[in-house]
Amino acid sequence: MDPAPGSLDTFLHLFYEENSSGIFLLVTIIFGGGAAWLAGRAIALTWRPAWQVFVYSLILGCAVRFIHFALFGGTLLSLHYYLVDTAILVGLGFLGFRAARVSQMITQYRWVNAPNGPFRWRRHST
């Protein structure tokens, strides 16, 4: 059953193709997003550049698409849903990277930096 034009379901159908938003939440947000967060964190903890988060998120996007296909009958080769999944993974991956980098800068350089929220640091005032 296709959603009625102009309804909220039509808008949400741009993000996921399954009949349940729970599947999208479970696979893309929780499993894929968790993996992206951990990948971003690992990249930051090994002092590698942030652009690598994007590359790993592209690979994770393929894995998330495959899980949607293999377990829930989603479309495997769908550029639209691959881009949606990957955009979410990139965002969560960069958040994980940034959170880990802030922790590093505050912990390892505490005489210079102080926390300024979960994703920022500031220089100590002299």
N, C-alpha and C. Protein backbone atom coordinates (compact mmCIF):
# COMPACT_ATOMS: atom_id res chain seq x y z
N MET A 1 0.84 -1.17 0.00
CA MET A 1 0.00 0.00 0.00
C MET A 1 0.89 1.24 0.00
N ASP A 2 0.76 2.07 -1.00
CA ASP A 2 1.55 3.29 -1.10
C ASP A 2 0.94 4.37 -0.22
N PRO A 3 1.79 5.21 0.37
CA PRO A 3 1.27 6.29 1.20
C PRO A 3 0.53 7.33 0.38
N ALA A 4 -0.42 7.99 1.01
CA ALA A 4 -1.19 9.04 0.34
C ALA A 4 -0.28 10.23 0.04
N PRO A 5 -0.44 10.86 -1.13
CA PRO A 5 0.39 12.04 -1.45
C PRO A 5 0.19 13.15 -0.43
N GLY A 6 1.28 13.77 -0.04
CA GLY A 6 1.22 14.88 0.90
C GLY A 6 1.17 14.48 2.36
N SER A 7 1.17 13.19 2.63
CA SER A 7 1.10 12.76 4.03
C SER A 7 2.50 12.64 4.63
N LEU A 8 2.52 12.49 5.93
CA LEU A 8 3.80 12.30 6.63
C LEU A 8 4.47 11.02 6.17
N ASP A 9 3.66 9.99 5.86
CA ASP A 9 4.23 8.72 5.38
C ASP A 9 4.99 8.91 4.07
N THR A 10 4.52 9.80 3.22
CA THR A 10 5.22 10.07 1.96
C THR A 10 6.59 10.66 2.24
N PHE A 11 6.65 11.59 3.18
CA PHE A 11 7.93 12.19 3.56
C PHE A 11 8.87 11.15 4.15
N LEU A 12 8.36 10.34 5.05
CA LEU A 12 9.20 9.32 5.69
C LEU A 12 9.62 8.23 4.71
N HIS A 13 8.82 8.01 3.66
CA HIS A 13 9.17 7.00 2.66
C HIS A 13 10.43 7.40 1.88
N LEU A 14 10.82 8.66 1.93
CA LEU A 14 12.07 9.09 1.30
C LEU A 14 13.27 8.53 2.05
N PHE A 15 13.10 8.20 3.33
CA PHE A 15 14.21 7.73 4.16
C PHE A 15 14.30 6.22 4.23
N TYR A 16 13.19 5.53 4.20
CA TYR A 16 13.25 4.07 4.29
C TYR A 16 12.19 3.47 3.40
N GLU A 17 12.48 2.26 2.93
CA GLU A 17 11.59 1.61 1.97
C GLU A 17 10.77 0.50 2.59
N GLU A 18 11.15 0.01 3.75
CA GLU A 18 10.42 -1.08 4.36
C GLU A 18 9.07 -0.59 4.88
N ASN A 19 8.23 -1.51 5.26
CA ASN A 19 6.91 -1.16 5.77
C ASN A 19 6.96 -0.67 7.21
N SER A 20 8.10 -0.77 7.84
CA SER A 20 8.21 -0.41 9.24
C SER A 20 9.37 0.56 9.44
N SER A 21 9.11 1.63 10.16
CA SER A 21 10.20 2.55 10.49
C SER A 21 11.12 1.92 11.53
N GLY A 22 10.64 0.92 12.25
CA GLY A 22 11.46 0.23 13.24
C GLY A 22 12.64 -0.48 12.61
N ILE A 23 12.45 -1.03 11.42
CA ILE A 23 13.56 -1.70 10.72
C ILE A 23 14.63 -0.69 10.34
N PHE A 24 14.19 0.46 9.83
CA PHE A 24 15.14 1.53 9.49
C PHE A 24 15.89 1.98 10.74
N LEU A 25 15.15 2.16 11.83
CA LEU A 25 15.77 2.59 13.08
C LEU A 25 16.78 1.55 13.57
N LEU A 26 16.41 0.29 13.54
CA LEU A 26 17.29 -0.77 14.03
C LEU A 26 18.54 -0.92 13.16
N VAL A 27 18.34 -1.10 11.87
CA VAL A 27 19.48 -1.42 11.00
C VAL A 27 20.34 -0.20 10.70
N THR A 28 19.72 0.89 10.25
CA THR A 28 20.50 2.05 9.81
C THR A 28 21.00 2.88 10.99
N ILE A 29 20.11 3.21 11.91
CA ILE A 29 20.48 4.13 12.99
C ILE A 29 21.26 3.42 14.09
N ILE A 30 20.72 2.31 14.60
CA ILE A 30 21.35 1.67 15.75
C ILE A 30 22.57 0.85 15.35
N PHE A 31 22.38 -0.13 14.43
CA PHE A 31 23.53 -0.97 14.05
C PHE A 31 24.53 -0.21 13.18
N GLY A 32 24.07 0.36 12.08
CA GLY A 32 24.97 1.08 11.19
C GLY A 32 25.54 2.33 11.82
N GLY A 33 24.68 3.09 12.50
CA GLY A 33 25.15 4.31 13.16
C GLY A 33 26.12 4.02 14.29
N GLY A 34 25.86 2.94 15.03
CA GLY A 34 26.79 2.54 16.08
C GLY A 34 28.14 2.15 15.52
N ALA A 35 28.12 1.41 14.40
CA ALA A 35 29.38 1.04 13.76
C ALA A 35 30.11 2.26 13.22
N ALA A 36 29.36 3.20 12.65
CA ALA A 36 29.97 4.43 12.14
C ALA A 36 30.57 5.26 13.27
N TRP A 37 29.86 5.36 14.39
CA TRP A 37 30.37 6.10 15.56
C TRP A 37 31.68 5.47 16.02
N LEU A 38 31.70 4.14 16.13
CA LEU A 38 32.92 3.46 16.59
C LEU A 38 34.05 3.57 15.58
N ALA A 39 33.73 3.56 14.29
CA ALA A 39 34.76 3.74 13.27
C ALA A 39 35.35 5.15 13.36
N GLY A 40 34.50 6.15 13.51
CA GLY A 40 34.98 7.52 13.66
C GLY A 40 35.84 7.68 14.90
N ARG A 41 35.42 7.04 15.97
CA ARG A 41 36.17 7.09 17.22
C ARG A 41 37.54 6.43 17.05
N ALA A 42 37.57 5.28 16.38
CA ALA A 42 38.83 4.57 16.16
C ALA A 42 39.78 5.38 15.28
N ILE A 43 39.24 6.03 14.28
CA ILE A 43 40.07 6.87 13.40
C ILE A 43 40.68 8.02 14.20
N ALA A 44 39.89 8.64 15.05
CA ALA A 44 40.40 9.75 15.87
C ALA A 44 41.44 9.26 16.87
N LEU A 45 41.18 8.13 17.52
CA LEU A 45 42.10 7.64 18.55
C LEU A 45 43.45 7.22 17.98
N THR A 46 43.52 6.92 16.69
CA THR A 46 44.80 6.59 16.06
C THR A 46 45.39 7.78 15.33
N TRP A 47 44.85 8.96 15.58
CA TRP A 47 45.34 10.23 15.04
C TRP A 47 45.37 10.26 13.51
N ARG A 48 44.43 9.57 12.88
CA ARG A 48 44.34 9.61 11.42
C ARG A 48 43.44 10.77 11.01
N PRO A 49 43.50 11.20 9.75
CA PRO A 49 42.73 12.39 9.32
C PRO A 49 41.23 12.10 9.25
N ALA A 50 40.43 13.15 9.39
CA ALA A 50 38.98 13.03 9.45
C ALA A 50 38.36 12.56 8.13
N TRP A 51 39.00 12.79 7.00
CA TRP A 51 38.43 12.37 5.72
C TRP A 51 38.28 10.86 5.64
N GLN A 52 39.03 10.12 6.45
CA GLN A 52 38.92 8.67 6.42
C GLN A 52 37.56 8.20 6.95
N VAL A 53 36.91 9.01 7.78
CA VAL A 53 35.57 8.68 8.26
C VAL A 53 34.63 8.55 7.07
N PHE A 54 34.76 9.43 6.11
CA PHE A 54 33.91 9.39 4.91
C PHE A 54 34.12 8.10 4.13
N VAL A 55 35.37 7.70 3.96
CA VAL A 55 35.68 6.50 3.19
C VAL A 55 35.10 5.26 3.88
N TYR A 56 35.29 5.16 5.20
CA TYR A 56 34.76 4.01 5.92
C TYR A 56 33.23 4.03 5.95
N SER A 57 32.64 5.20 5.93
CA SER A 57 31.17 5.29 5.91
C SER A 57 30.61 4.81 4.58
N LEU A 58 31.33 5.02 3.49
CA LEU A 58 30.90 4.49 2.20
C LEU A 58 30.84 2.97 2.23
N ILE A 59 31.83 2.36 2.85
CA ILE A 59 31.86 0.90 2.97
C ILE A 59 30.74 0.41 3.90
N LEU A 60 30.56 1.10 5.01
CA LEU A 60 29.49 0.72 5.94
C LEU A 60 28.12 0.89 5.29
N GLY A 61 27.98 1.87 4.42
CA GLY A 61 26.72 2.06 3.71
C GLY A 61 26.37 0.85 2.86
N CYS A 62 27.37 0.22 2.24
CA CYS A 62 27.14 -1.02 1.48
C CYS A 62 26.69 -2.14 2.40
N ALA A 63 27.31 -2.24 3.56
CA ALA A 63 26.94 -3.28 4.51
C ALA A 63 25.51 -3.08 5.03
N VAL A 64 25.14 -1.86 5.33
CA VAL A 64 23.78 -1.58 5.81
C VAL A 64 22.77 -1.90 4.71
N ARG A 65 23.06 -1.53 3.47
CA ARG A 65 22.17 -1.85 2.35
C ARG A 65 22.01 -3.37 2.22
N PHE A 66 23.12 -4.11 2.38
CA PHE A 66 23.05 -5.57 2.27
C PHE A 66 22.19 -6.15 3.38
N ILE A 67 22.30 -5.64 4.60
CA ILE A 67 21.48 -6.15 5.70
C ILE A 67 20.00 -5.87 5.44
N HIS A 68 19.68 -4.68 4.93
CA HIS A 68 18.29 -4.39 4.57
C HIS A 68 17.79 -5.39 3.52
N PHE A 69 18.63 -5.71 2.55
CA PHE A 69 18.27 -6.63 1.49
C PHE A 69 18.14 -8.06 1.99
N ALA A 70 19.17 -8.54 2.70
CA ALA A 70 19.22 -9.95 3.07
C ALA A 70 18.21 -10.32 4.16
N LEU A 71 18.00 -9.45 5.11
CA LEU A 71 17.13 -9.80 6.23
C LEU A 71 15.70 -9.31 6.09
N PHE A 72 15.50 -8.20 5.37
CA PHE A 72 14.18 -7.59 5.37
C PHE A 72 13.60 -7.37 3.97
N GLY A 73 14.26 -7.90 2.95
CA GLY A 73 13.73 -7.82 1.59
C GLY A 73 13.79 -6.46 0.96
N GLY A 74 14.70 -5.62 1.42
CA GLY A 74 14.87 -4.29 0.83
C GLY A 74 15.58 -4.39 -0.51
N THR A 75 15.68 -3.27 -1.19
CA THR A 75 16.36 -3.21 -2.48
C THR A 75 17.86 -3.11 -2.25
N LEU A 76 18.61 -4.02 -2.86
CA LEU A 76 20.07 -4.02 -2.66
C LEU A 76 20.72 -2.89 -3.43
N LEU A 77 20.42 -2.77 -4.70
CA LEU A 77 21.09 -1.79 -5.55
C LEU A 77 20.19 -0.57 -5.77
N SER A 78 19.97 0.17 -4.71
CA SER A 78 19.17 1.39 -4.78
C SER A 78 20.07 2.56 -4.41
N LEU A 79 20.38 3.39 -5.40
CA LEU A 79 21.25 4.54 -5.15
C LEU A 79 20.62 5.49 -4.14
N HIS A 80 19.32 5.70 -4.22
CA HIS A 80 18.63 6.62 -3.32
C HIS A 80 18.79 6.17 -1.86
N TYR A 81 18.44 4.93 -1.57
CA TYR A 81 18.50 4.47 -0.18
C TYR A 81 19.95 4.27 0.29
N TYR A 82 20.85 3.95 -0.63
CA TYR A 82 22.27 3.89 -0.27
C TYR A 82 22.76 5.27 0.17
N LEU A 83 22.37 6.31 -0.57
CA LEU A 83 22.79 7.67 -0.21
C LEU A 83 22.18 8.12 1.11
N VAL A 84 20.92 7.75 1.36
CA VAL A 84 20.28 8.09 2.64
C VAL A 84 21.01 7.41 3.78
N ASP A 85 21.23 6.09 3.65
CA ASP A 85 21.93 5.34 4.70
C ASP A 85 23.33 5.90 4.92
N THR A 86 24.06 6.14 3.84
CA THR A 86 25.43 6.61 3.94
C THR A 86 25.51 8.01 4.53
N ALA A 87 24.57 8.88 4.19
CA ALA A 87 24.57 10.23 4.77
C ALA A 87 24.40 10.17 6.29
N ILE A 88 23.53 9.31 6.75
CA ILE A 88 23.35 9.14 8.20
C ILE A 88 24.62 8.58 8.84
N LEU A 89 25.23 7.61 8.18
CA LEU A 89 26.46 7.01 8.71
C LEU A 89 27.61 8.01 8.73
N VAL A 90 27.72 8.84 7.71
CA VAL A 90 28.77 9.86 7.68
C VAL A 90 28.59 10.83 8.83
N GLY A 91 27.35 11.28 9.04
CA GLY A 91 27.08 12.20 10.14
C GLY A 91 27.43 11.61 11.49
N LEU A 92 26.99 10.40 11.76
CA LEU A 92 27.29 9.77 13.04
C LEU A 92 28.77 9.42 13.17
N GLY A 93 29.41 9.07 12.05
CA GLY A 93 30.85 8.80 12.08
C GLY A 93 31.65 10.04 12.44
N PHE A 94 31.28 11.18 11.85
CA PHE A 94 31.98 12.42 12.19
C PHE A 94 31.71 12.87 13.62
N LEU A 95 30.51 12.60 14.13
CA LEU A 95 30.24 12.91 15.54
C LEU A 95 31.11 12.06 16.46
N GLY A 96 31.26 10.77 16.14
CA GLY A 96 32.14 9.91 16.93
C GLY A 96 33.58 10.36 16.85
N PHE A 97 34.01 10.75 15.65
CA PHE A 97 35.37 11.27 15.47
C PHE A 97 35.59 12.51 16.32
N ARG A 98 34.64 13.43 16.25
CA ARG A 98 34.80 14.69 16.97
C ARG A 98 34.79 14.49 18.48
N ALA A 99 33.90 13.63 18.97
CA ALA A 99 33.84 13.38 20.42
C ALA A 99 35.16 12.77 20.91
N ALA A 100 35.72 11.84 20.15
CA ALA A 100 37.00 11.24 20.54
C ALA A 100 38.14 12.24 20.45
N ARG A 101 38.13 13.08 19.43
CA ARG A 101 39.20 14.07 19.27
C ARG A 101 39.16 15.09 20.41
N VAL A 102 37.97 15.51 20.81
CA VAL A 102 37.84 16.44 21.94
C VAL A 102 38.38 15.80 23.20
N SER A 103 38.04 14.54 23.42
CA SER A 103 38.54 13.83 24.60
C SER A 103 40.07 13.74 24.57
N GLN A 104 40.64 13.49 23.42
CA GLN A 104 42.09 13.42 23.28
C GLN A 104 42.74 14.77 23.60
N MET A 105 42.19 15.81 23.02
CA MET A 105 42.80 17.14 23.19
C MET A 105 42.71 17.61 24.64
N ILE A 106 41.64 17.24 25.32
CA ILE A 106 41.48 17.65 26.72
C ILE A 106 42.35 16.79 27.64
N THR A 107 42.43 15.49 27.35
CA THR A 107 43.19 14.58 28.20
C THR A 107 44.69 14.72 28.01
N GLN A 108 45.15 14.73 26.77
CA GLN A 108 46.57 14.73 26.50
C GLN A 108 47.20 16.12 26.57
N TYR A 109 46.41 17.13 26.40
CA TYR A 109 46.94 18.50 26.43
C TYR A 109 46.14 19.34 27.43
N ARG A 110 45.97 18.82 28.63
CA ARG A 110 45.12 19.48 29.63
C ARG A 110 45.70 20.80 30.13
N TRP A 111 47.00 21.01 29.99
CA TRP A 111 47.59 22.28 30.42
C TRP A 111 47.28 23.40 29.42
N VAL A 112 46.83 23.05 28.21
CA VAL A 112 46.53 24.04 27.19
C VAL A 112 45.02 24.14 26.93
N ASN A 113 44.31 22.99 26.97
CA ASN A 113 42.91 22.94 26.55
C ASN A 113 41.98 22.62 27.72
N ALA A 114 40.76 23.11 27.61
CA ALA A 114 39.71 22.83 28.58
C ALA A 114 38.45 22.45 27.81
N PRO A 115 37.58 21.65 28.40
CA PRO A 115 36.35 21.28 27.69
C PRO A 115 35.44 22.48 27.47
N ASN A 116 34.75 22.46 26.35
CA ASN A 116 33.79 23.51 26.02
C ASN A 116 32.58 22.86 25.35
N GLY A 117 31.97 21.88 26.01
CA GLY A 117 30.86 21.12 25.46
C GLY A 117 31.34 19.76 24.98
N PRO A 118 30.42 18.92 24.53
CA PRO A 118 30.79 17.56 24.14
C PRO A 118 31.59 17.47 22.84
N PHE A 119 31.50 18.48 21.98
CA PHE A 119 32.18 18.42 20.68
C PHE A 119 33.15 19.58 20.45
N ARG A 120 33.55 20.26 21.52
CA ARG A 120 34.47 21.39 21.37
C ARG A 120 35.42 21.47 22.55
N TRP A 121 36.54 22.13 22.34
CA TRP A 121 37.45 22.48 23.41
C TRP A 121 37.88 23.92 23.22
N ARG A 122 38.43 24.49 24.27
CA ARG A 122 38.89 25.87 24.19
C ARG A 122 40.26 25.95 24.86
N ARG A 123 40.99 26.97 24.54
CA ARG A 123 42.29 27.23 25.19
C ARG A 123 42.04 27.76 26.57
N HIS A 124 42.90 27.38 27.52
CA HIS A 124 42.82 27.97 28.87
C HIS A 124 43.09 29.46 28.76
N SER A 125 42.35 30.22 29.52
CA SER A 125 42.62 31.65 29.54
C SER A 125 43.83 31.91 30.46
N THR A 126 44.70 32.78 30.04
CA THR A 126 45.93 33.04 30.83
C THR A 126 45.81 34.26 31.68
